[in-house]
Protein backbone atom coordinates (compact mmCIF):
# COMPACT_ATOMS: atom_id res chain seq x y z
CA MET A 1 40.16 -3.03 6.84
CA ALA A 2 41.32 -2.35 3.33
CA LEU A 3 39.47 -0.43 0.64
CA HIS A 4 40.25 -0.99 -3.01
CA ALA A 5 38.96 0.50 -6.24
CA ARG A 6 39.55 -0.79 -9.71
CA ALA A 7 38.04 0.91 -12.71
CA PRO A 8 37.32 -1.21 -15.79
CA GLN A 9 39.67 -0.82 -18.74
CA THR A 10 36.87 0.82 -20.73
CA ALA A 11 36.22 3.51 -18.10
CA ASP A 12 36.51 7.10 -19.24
CA PRO A 13 38.62 9.62 -17.25
CA ALA A 14 35.53 11.11 -15.53
CA HIS A 15 34.47 7.68 -14.24
CA TRP A 16 38.01 6.97 -13.02
CA LEU A 17 38.18 10.35 -11.24
CA LEU A 18 34.81 9.78 -9.56
CA SER A 19 35.80 6.32 -8.29
CA THR A 20 39.14 7.64 -7.03
CA ALA A 21 37.44 10.52 -5.19
CA ALA A 22 34.93 8.09 -3.63
CA LEU A 23 37.79 5.86 -2.48
CA ALA A 24 39.64 8.82 -0.95
CA LEU A 25 36.49 9.93 0.88
CA GLY A 26 35.91 6.41 2.17
CA LEU A 27 39.47 6.16 3.46
CA TRP A 28 39.28 9.57 5.12
CA LEU A 29 36.00 8.74 6.87
CA SER A 30 37.20 5.33 8.02
CA GLU A 31 40.38 6.78 9.54
CA ARG A 32 38.52 9.39 11.59
CA GLY A 33 36.35 6.95 13.50
CA THR A 34 33.77 9.68 14.16
CA CYS A 35 31.18 11.60 12.22
CA ALA A 36 32.92 14.08 9.95
CA TRP A 37 29.99 16.33 9.18
CA GLY A 38 27.08 17.99 10.89
CA GLN A 39 24.45 20.68 10.77
CA CYS A 40 25.15 24.13 12.14
CA ALA A 41 23.92 24.57 15.74
CA ALA A 42 22.86 28.20 15.19
CA PRO A 43 19.07 28.46 15.50
CA ASP A 44 18.50 30.32 12.22
CA CYS A 45 21.06 28.47 10.06
CA ALA A 46 20.34 25.35 8.02
CA ASP A 47 23.87 24.91 6.60
CA TYR A 48 25.97 21.77 6.93
CA PHE A 49 29.72 21.58 7.47
CA ILE A 50 32.59 19.12 7.28
CA ASP A 51 34.50 18.91 10.55
CA THR A 52 38.16 19.47 9.80
CA GLY A 53 39.38 17.56 12.85
CA ARG A 54 40.31 20.24 15.35
CA ARG A 55 40.59 19.30 19.03
CA ALA A 56 37.06 20.39 19.94
CA PRO A 57 34.17 19.07 17.87
CA GLN A 58 32.82 21.61 15.41
CA ARG A 59 29.30 22.94 16.12
CA TYR A 60 28.88 25.81 13.68
CA CYS A 61 29.32 26.14 9.93
CA GLY A 62 31.61 29.15 10.33
CA THR A 63 32.82 31.94 12.56
CA ARG A 64 29.88 34.19 11.65
CA CYS A 65 27.31 31.79 13.14
CA ALA A 66 29.50 30.99 16.15
CA THR A 67 30.00 34.67 16.94
CA ARG A 68 26.33 35.49 16.44
CA VAL A 69 25.26 32.78 18.92
CA ARG A 70 27.96 33.77 21.42
CA VAL A 71 26.95 37.45 21.31
CA ALA A 72 23.25 36.59 21.68
CA THR A 73 24.03 34.39 24.70
CA HIS A 74 26.18 37.10 26.25
CA ARG A 75 23.48 39.75 25.77
CA ALA A 76 20.80 37.47 27.22
CA GLN A 77 22.93 36.76 30.30
CA LYS A 78 23.76 40.45 30.69
CA SER A 79 20.10 41.46 30.51
CA THR A 80 19.08 38.93 33.19
CA THR A 81 21.86 39.97 35.56
CA ASN A 82 21.07 43.70 35.23
CA ARG A 83 17.40 43.35 36.14
CA PRO A 84 16.35 44.94 39.42
CA GLU A 85 14.66 42.53 41.79
């Protein structure tokens, strides 16, 4: 697959920059072969993120949401294991 962009001779610099950025984004997405973005998995967060291609797929928009979910899970597990039966 090959992507090409060619701006008309009458295109202004803003139009050229926009078409070049769209081409770069298209090339980047086609090389990845997987979805490069997603919505944060934290229950109270509606933010989206762009996955930067680490080994594990990204699930959270940042470390703050990831830590908050991890701490909540840890506290929930701790409270269920400390209950007297």
